[in-house]
Amino acid sequence: MNPVIATVPGSIVPRRRRSVCAAAACALGALLTSACAVFTPRFERPDLAVVRIEMRSGNLFQQNFLVTLRIHNPNSRPLPVERVRAHLLFAGVELASGVTMRPFIVPARGDTSFDMMISANLAAGFTQFAQRLGAHRDSIPYELDGAVRLDLPLFRSLRFHDHGELPLRTTP
């Protein structure tokens, strides 16, 4: 049997050389994949909390709120945040969602407050919201769910989930 095969008309490559090249390509691919896993920075999830909610405009079908959030970076390096996308639930009813207005950097092991516009349709969820609100007189439970998109190459979003109580009454 002839140890030579034809790959392209007029070109002859030995079979052994072809299998050595294929093995080398596989080894190189495995090495690059493991190198990416080793050198890709690992980040702990940042903590987010609602600081303030202020209604800016609205009508029966859409309300726009300026929401101030605080993000805490538990990591030893700064977090360059490209955007934050969030969904806000009050008393278990999703009423609002939004995206940050501009990128920012959270210092290492530090906090940063930022604003985002959140649009809501309170009319659509008003019945459910009103029924659940009746049980909460001084505060209302909220959940904040979303993702922080970092401005780093080869890095995906960090998901987050936070919950707490938002006071309904202010004390003098």
C-alpha atoms as a PDB file:
ATOM      1  CA  MET A   1       0.000   0.000   0.000  1.00  0.00           C
ATOM      2  CA  ASN A   2       1.269   3.437  -0.848  1.00  0.00           C
ATOM      3  CA  PRO A   3       1.823   5.795   2.191  1.00  0.00           C
ATOM      4  CA  VAL A   4       1.003   8.822   0.047  1.00  0.00           C
ATOM      5  CA  ILE A   5      -2.446  10.357  -0.502  1.00  0.00           C
ATOM      6  CA  ALA A   6      -3.576  13.117  -2.829  1.00  0.00           C
ATOM      7  CA  THR A   7      -5.106  16.153  -1.108  1.00  0.00           C
ATOM      8  CA  VAL A   8      -5.180  18.651  -3.949  1.00  0.00           C
ATOM      9  CA  PRO A   9      -4.732  17.734  -7.585  1.00  0.00           C
ATOM     10  CA  GLY A  10      -1.029  17.939  -8.326  1.00  0.00           C
ATOM     11  CA  SER A  11      -0.070  17.960  -4.572  1.00  0.00           C
ATOM     12  CA  ILE A  12       0.987  14.890  -2.620  1.00  0.00           C
ATOM     13  CA  VAL A  13       1.343  14.897   1.193  1.00  0.00           C
ATOM     14  CA  PRO A  14       2.552  11.884   3.154  1.00  0.00           C
ATOM     15  CA  ARG A  15      -0.127  10.371   5.408  1.00  0.00           C
ATOM     16  CA  ARG A  16       2.158  10.383   8.477  1.00  0.00           C
ATOM     17  CA  ARG A  17       2.888  14.102   8.078  1.00  0.00           C
ATOM     18  CA  ARG A  18      -0.837  14.874   7.834  1.00  0.00           C
ATOM     19  CA  SER A  19      -1.632  13.006  11.084  1.00  0.00           C
ATOM     20  CA  VAL A  20       1.266  14.739  12.890  1.00  0.00           C
ATOM     21  CA  CYS A  21      -0.088  18.137  11.770  1.00  0.00           C
ATOM     22  CA  ALA A  22      -3.603  17.215  12.916  1.00  0.00           C
ATOM     23  CA  ALA A  23      -2.303  16.116  16.332  1.00  0.00           C
ATOM     24  CA  ALA A  24      -0.274  19.321  16.674  1.00  0.00           C
ATOM     25  CA  ALA A  25      -3.333  21.427  15.777  1.00  0.00           C
ATOM     26  CA  CYS A  26      -5.436  19.626  18.409  1.00  0.00           C
ATOM     27  CA  ALA A  27      -2.731  20.091  21.058  1.00  0.00           C
ATOM     28  CA  LEU A  28      -2.417  23.790  20.200  1.00  0.00           C
ATOM     29  CA  GLY A  29      -6.195  24.235  20.427  1.00  0.00           C
ATOM     30  CA  ALA A  30      -6.299  22.544  23.840  1.00  0.00           C
ATOM     31  CA  LEU A  31      -3.402  24.693  25.059  1.00  0.00           C
ATOM     32  CA  LEU A  32      -5.081  27.926  23.924  1.00  0.00           C
ATOM     33  CA  THR A  33      -8.392  26.936  25.523  1.00  0.00           C
ATOM     34  CA  SER A  34      -6.763  26.178  28.880  1.00  0.00           C
ATOM     35  CA  ALA A  35      -4.670  29.377  28.684  1.00  0.00           C
ATOM     36  CA  CYS A  36      -7.849  31.432  28.243  1.00  0.00           C
ATOM     37  CA  ALA A  37      -9.372  29.770  31.295  1.00  0.00           C
ATOM     38  CA  VAL A  38      -6.252  30.482  33.385  1.00  0.00           C
ATOM     39  CA  PHE A  39      -5.695  34.082  32.284  1.00  0.00           C
ATOM     40  CA  THR A  40      -9.330  35.251  32.166  1.00  0.00           C
ATOM     41  CA  PRO A  41      -9.903  37.335  35.299  1.00  0.00           C
ATOM     42  CA  ARG A  42     -12.384  35.959  37.791  1.00  0.00           C
ATOM     43  CA  PHE A  43     -14.715  38.381  39.470  1.00  0.00           C
ATOM     44  CA  GLU A  44     -17.049  37.922  42.391  1.00  0.00           C
ATOM     45  CA  ARG A  45     -20.561  39.170  41.809  1.00  0.00           C
ATOM     46  CA  PRO A  46     -21.033  42.805  42.813  1.00  0.00           C
ATOM     47  CA  ASP A  47     -23.729  43.645  45.379  1.00  0.00           C
ATOM     48  CA  LEU A  48     -26.449  46.058  44.260  1.00  0.00           C
ATOM     49  CA  ALA A  49     -29.032  47.829  46.378  1.00  0.00           C
ATOM     50  CA  VAL A  50     -31.745  50.389  45.702  1.00  0.00           C
ATOM     51  CA  VAL A  51     -30.936  53.744  47.334  1.00  0.00           C
ATOM     52  CA  ARG A  52     -33.722  55.984  46.005  1.00  0.00           C
ATOM     53  CA  ILE A  53     -36.604  55.973  43.533  1.00  0.00           C
ATOM     54  CA  GLU A  54     -37.942  59.242  42.113  1.00  0.00           C
ATOM     55  CA  MET A  55     -40.773  59.513  39.588  1.00  0.00           C
ATOM     56  CA  ARG A  56     -39.737  61.796  36.709  1.00  0.00           C
ATOM     57  CA  SER A  57     -42.692  61.643  34.322  1.00  0.00           C
ATOM     58  CA  GLY A  58     -45.614  59.476  33.451  1.00  0.00           C
ATOM     59  CA  ASN A  59     -49.128  58.904  32.289  1.00  0.00           C
ATOM     60  CA  LEU A  60     -51.617  56.074  32.613  1.00  0.00           C
ATOM     61  CA  PHE A  61     -49.614  53.666  30.428  1.00  0.00           C
ATOM     62  CA  GLN A  62     -45.962  54.472  31.165  1.00  0.00           C
ATOM     63  CA  GLN A  63     -44.097  55.938  34.103  1.00  0.00           C
ATOM     64  CA  ASN A  64     -40.424  56.898  34.119  1.00  0.00           C
ATOM     65  CA  PHE A  65     -38.441  56.678  37.330  1.00  0.00           C
ATOM     66  CA  LEU A  66     -34.926  57.796  38.144  1.00  0.00           C
ATOM     67  CA  VAL A  67     -33.548  54.991  40.308  1.00  0.00           C
ATOM     68  CA  THR A  68     -30.333  55.431  42.254  1.00  0.00           C
ATOM     69  CA  LEU A  69     -28.510  52.183  42.911  1.00  0.00           C
ATOM     70  CA  ARG A  70     -25.403  51.472  44.932  1.00  0.00           C
ATOM     71  CA  ILE A  71     -22.959  48.859  43.659  1.00  0.00           C
ATOM     72  CA  HIS A  72     -20.316  47.321  45.914  1.00  0.00           C
ATOM     73  CA  ASN A  73     -17.240  45.736  44.317  1.00  0.00           C
ATOM     74  CA  PRO A  74     -15.882  42.904  46.509  1.00  0.00           C
ATOM     75  CA  ASN A  75     -12.954  42.315  44.116  1.00  0.00           C
ATOM     76  CA  SER A  76      -9.324  43.393  44.449  1.00  0.00           C
ATOM     77  CA  ARG A  77      -9.375  45.178  41.077  1.00  0.00           C
ATOM     78  CA  PRO A  78     -11.628  47.906  39.675  1.00  0.00           C
ATOM     79  CA  LEU A  79     -14.745  46.895  37.733  1.00  0.00           C
ATOM     80  CA  PRO A  80     -15.143  48.791  34.447  1.00  0.00           C
ATOM     81  CA  VAL A  81     -18.927  48.629  34.001  1.00  0.00           C
ATOM     82  CA  GLU A  82     -20.191  49.051  30.457  1.00  0.00           C
ATOM     83  CA  ARG A  83     -23.863  48.862  31.452  1.00  0.00           C
ATOM     84  CA  VAL A  84     -26.269  47.497  34.015  1.00  0.00           C
ATOM     85  CA  ARG A  85     -29.564  46.002  32.945  1.00  0.00           C
ATOM     86  CA  ALA A  86     -32.135  45.522  35.718  1.00  0.00           C
ATOM     87  CA  HIS A  87     -35.687  44.397  36.422  1.00  0.00           C
ATOM     88  CA  LEU A  88     -37.389  45.731  39.530  1.00  0.00           C
ATOM     89  CA  LEU A  89     -40.115  43.754  41.280  1.00  0.00           C
ATOM     90  CA  PHE A  90     -42.256  45.212  44.059  1.00  0.00           C
ATOM     91  CA  ALA A  91     -44.096  42.749  46.301  1.00  0.00           C
ATOM     92  CA  GLY A  92     -43.284  40.002  43.775  1.00  0.00           C
ATOM     93  CA  VAL A  93     -44.768  41.850  40.771  1.00  0.00           C
ATOM     94  CA  GLU A  94     -42.371  42.938  38.009  1.00  0.00           C
ATOM     95  CA  LEU A  95     -43.252  46.544  37.380  1.00  0.00           C
ATOM     96  CA  ALA A  96     -40.165  48.140  35.884  1.00  0.00           C
ATOM     97  CA  SER A  97     -36.983  47.577  33.895  1.00  0.00           C
ATOM     98  CA  GLY A  98     -34.152  49.714  32.593  1.00  0.00           C
ATOM     99  CA  VAL A  99     -30.509  50.163  31.572  1.00  0.00           C
ATOM    100  CA  THR A 100     -27.796  52.497  32.857  1.00  0.00           C
ATOM    101  CA  MET A 101     -27.265  55.740  30.993  1.00  0.00           C
ATOM    102  CA  ARG A 102     -23.433  55.662  30.748  1.00  0.00           C
ATOM    103  CA  PRO A 103     -20.416  53.474  31.617  1.00  0.00           C
ATOM    104  CA  PHE A 104     -18.592  53.888  34.923  1.00  0.00           C
ATOM    105  CA  ILE A 105     -15.849  52.318  37.045  1.00  0.00           C
ATOM    106  CA  VAL A 106     -16.347  50.830  40.505  1.00  0.00           C
ATOM    107  CA  PRO A 107     -13.143  51.051  42.576  1.00  0.00           C
ATOM    108  CA  ALA A 108     -11.560  47.912  44.005  1.00  0.00           C
ATOM    109  CA  ARG A 109     -13.316  46.903  47.243  1.00  0.00           C
ATOM    110  CA  GLY A 110     -15.346  50.098  46.975  1.00  0.00           C
ATOM    111  CA  ASP A 111     -18.829  51.462  46.399  1.00  0.00           C
ATOM    112  CA  THR A 112     -20.304  53.640  43.677  1.00  0.00           C
ATOM    113  CA  SER A 113     -23.799  55.041  43.352  1.00  0.00           C
ATOM    114  CA  PHE A 114     -25.261  55.502  39.880  1.00  0.00           C
ATOM    115  CA  ASP A 115     -28.554  56.488  38.314  1.00  0.00           C
ATOM    116  CA  MET A 116     -30.606  54.653  35.771  1.00  0.00           C
ATOM    117  CA  MET A 117     -33.898  55.440  34.123  1.00  0.00           C
ATOM    118  CA  ILE A 118     -36.454  52.726  34.632  1.00  0.00           C
ATOM    119  CA  SER A 119     -39.729  52.564  32.737  1.00  0.00           C
ATOM    120  CA  ALA A 120     -42.796  51.004  34.272  1.00  0.00           C
ATOM    121  CA  ASN A 121     -46.374  50.248  33.366  1.00  0.00           C
ATOM    122  CA  LEU A 122     -48.122  50.450  36.720  1.00  0.00           C
ATOM    123  CA  ALA A 123     -51.563  50.201  35.097  1.00  0.00           C
ATOM    124  CA  ALA A 124     -50.799  46.709  33.769  1.00  0.00           C
ATOM    125  CA  GLY A 125     -49.790  45.318  37.171  1.00  0.00           C
ATOM    126  CA  PHE A 126     -51.798  47.631  39.410  1.00  0.00           C
ATOM    127  CA  THR A 127     -54.377  45.053  40.555  1.00  0.00           C
ATOM    128  CA  GLN A 128     -51.759  42.505  41.661  1.00  0.00           C
ATOM    129  CA  PHE A 129     -49.575  45.231  43.122  1.00  0.00           C
ATOM    130  CA  ALA A 130     -52.430  46.837  45.106  1.00  0.00           C
ATOM    131  CA  GLN A 131     -53.511  43.485  46.581  1.00  0.00           C
ATOM    132  CA  ARG A 132     -49.983  42.700  47.780  1.00  0.00           C
ATOM    133  CA  LEU A 133     -49.323  46.260  48.932  1.00  0.00           C
ATOM    134  CA  GLY A 134     -52.206  46.090  51.408  1.00  0.00           C
ATOM    135  CA  ALA A 135     -50.155  43.739  53.615  1.00  0.00           C
ATOM    136  CA  HIS A 136     -47.199  46.158  53.763  1.00  0.00           C
ATOM    137  CA  ARG A 137     -47.929  49.437  55.518  1.00  0.00           C
ATOM    138  CA  ASP A 138     -44.494  50.908  56.325  1.00  0.00           C
ATOM    139  CA  SER A 139     -42.383  49.350  53.599  1.00  0.00           C
ATOM    140  CA  ILE A 140     -42.648  47.210  50.513  1.00  0.00           C
ATOM    141  CA  PRO A 141     -40.372  44.314  49.597  1.00  0.00           C
ATOM    142  CA  TYR A 142     -38.425  44.684  46.376  1.00  0.00           C
ATOM    143  CA  GLU A 143     -36.301  42.397  44.268  1.00  0.00           C
ATOM    144  CA  LEU A 144     -33.676  43.633  41.862  1.00  0.00           C
ATOM    145  CA  ASP A 145     -32.604  41.174  39.189  1.00  0.00           C
ATOM    146  CA  GLY A 146     -30.281  41.760  36.264  1.00  0.00           C
ATOM    147  CA  ALA A 147     -26.753  41.708  34.874  1.00  0.00           C
ATOM    148  CA  VAL A 148     -23.636  43.862  35.021  1.00  0.00           C
ATOM    149  CA  ARG A 149     -21.814  43.945  31.671  1.00  0.00           C
ATOM    150  CA  LEU A 150     -18.098  44.571  32.183  1.00  0.00           C
ATOM    151  CA  ASP A 151     -15.975  46.444  29.664  1.00  0.00           C
ATOM    152  CA  LEU A 152     -13.323  43.718  29.463  1.00  0.00           C
ATOM    153  CA  PRO A 153     -12.369  41.596  26.440  1.00  0.00           C
ATOM    154  CA  LEU A 154     -13.536  37.980  26.513  1.00  0.00           C
ATOM    155  CA  PHE A 155     -15.727  38.601  29.566  1.00  0.00           C
ATOM    156  CA  ARG A 156     -19.422  38.051  29.858  1.00  0.00           C
ATOM    157  CA  SER A 157     -22.002  39.610  32.132  1.00  0.00           C
ATOM    158  CA  LEU A 158     -22.199  39.041  35.874  1.00  0.00           C
ATOM    159  CA  ARG A 159     -25.747  38.184  36.974  1.00  0.00           C
ATOM    160  CA  PHE A 160     -27.068  39.594  40.231  1.00  0.00           C
ATOM    161  CA  HIS A 161     -30.112  39.302  42.444  1.00  0.00           C
ATOM    162  CA  ASP A 162     -30.807  41.513  45.432  1.00  0.00           C
ATOM    163  CA  HIS A 163     -33.789  42.026  47.689  1.00  0.00           C
ATOM    164  CA  GLY A 164     -34.748  44.348  50.483  1.00  0.00           C
ATOM    165  CA  GLU A 165     -37.397  46.647  51.872  1.00  0.00           C
ATOM    166  CA  LEU A 166     -38.181  50.070  50.454  1.00  0.00           C
ATOM    167  CA  PRO A 167     -39.683  52.447  53.045  1.00  0.00           C
ATOM    168  CA  LEU A 168     -43.048  53.922  52.070  1.00  0.00           C
ATOM    169  CA  ARG A 169     -43.095  56.529  54.817  1.00  0.00           C
ATOM    170  CA  THR A 170     -40.329  58.883  55.776  1.00  0.00           C
ATOM    171  CA  THR A 171     -39.723  59.612  59.422  1.00  0.00           C
ATOM    172  CA  PRO A 172     -39.258  63.261  60.435  1.00  0.00           C
END
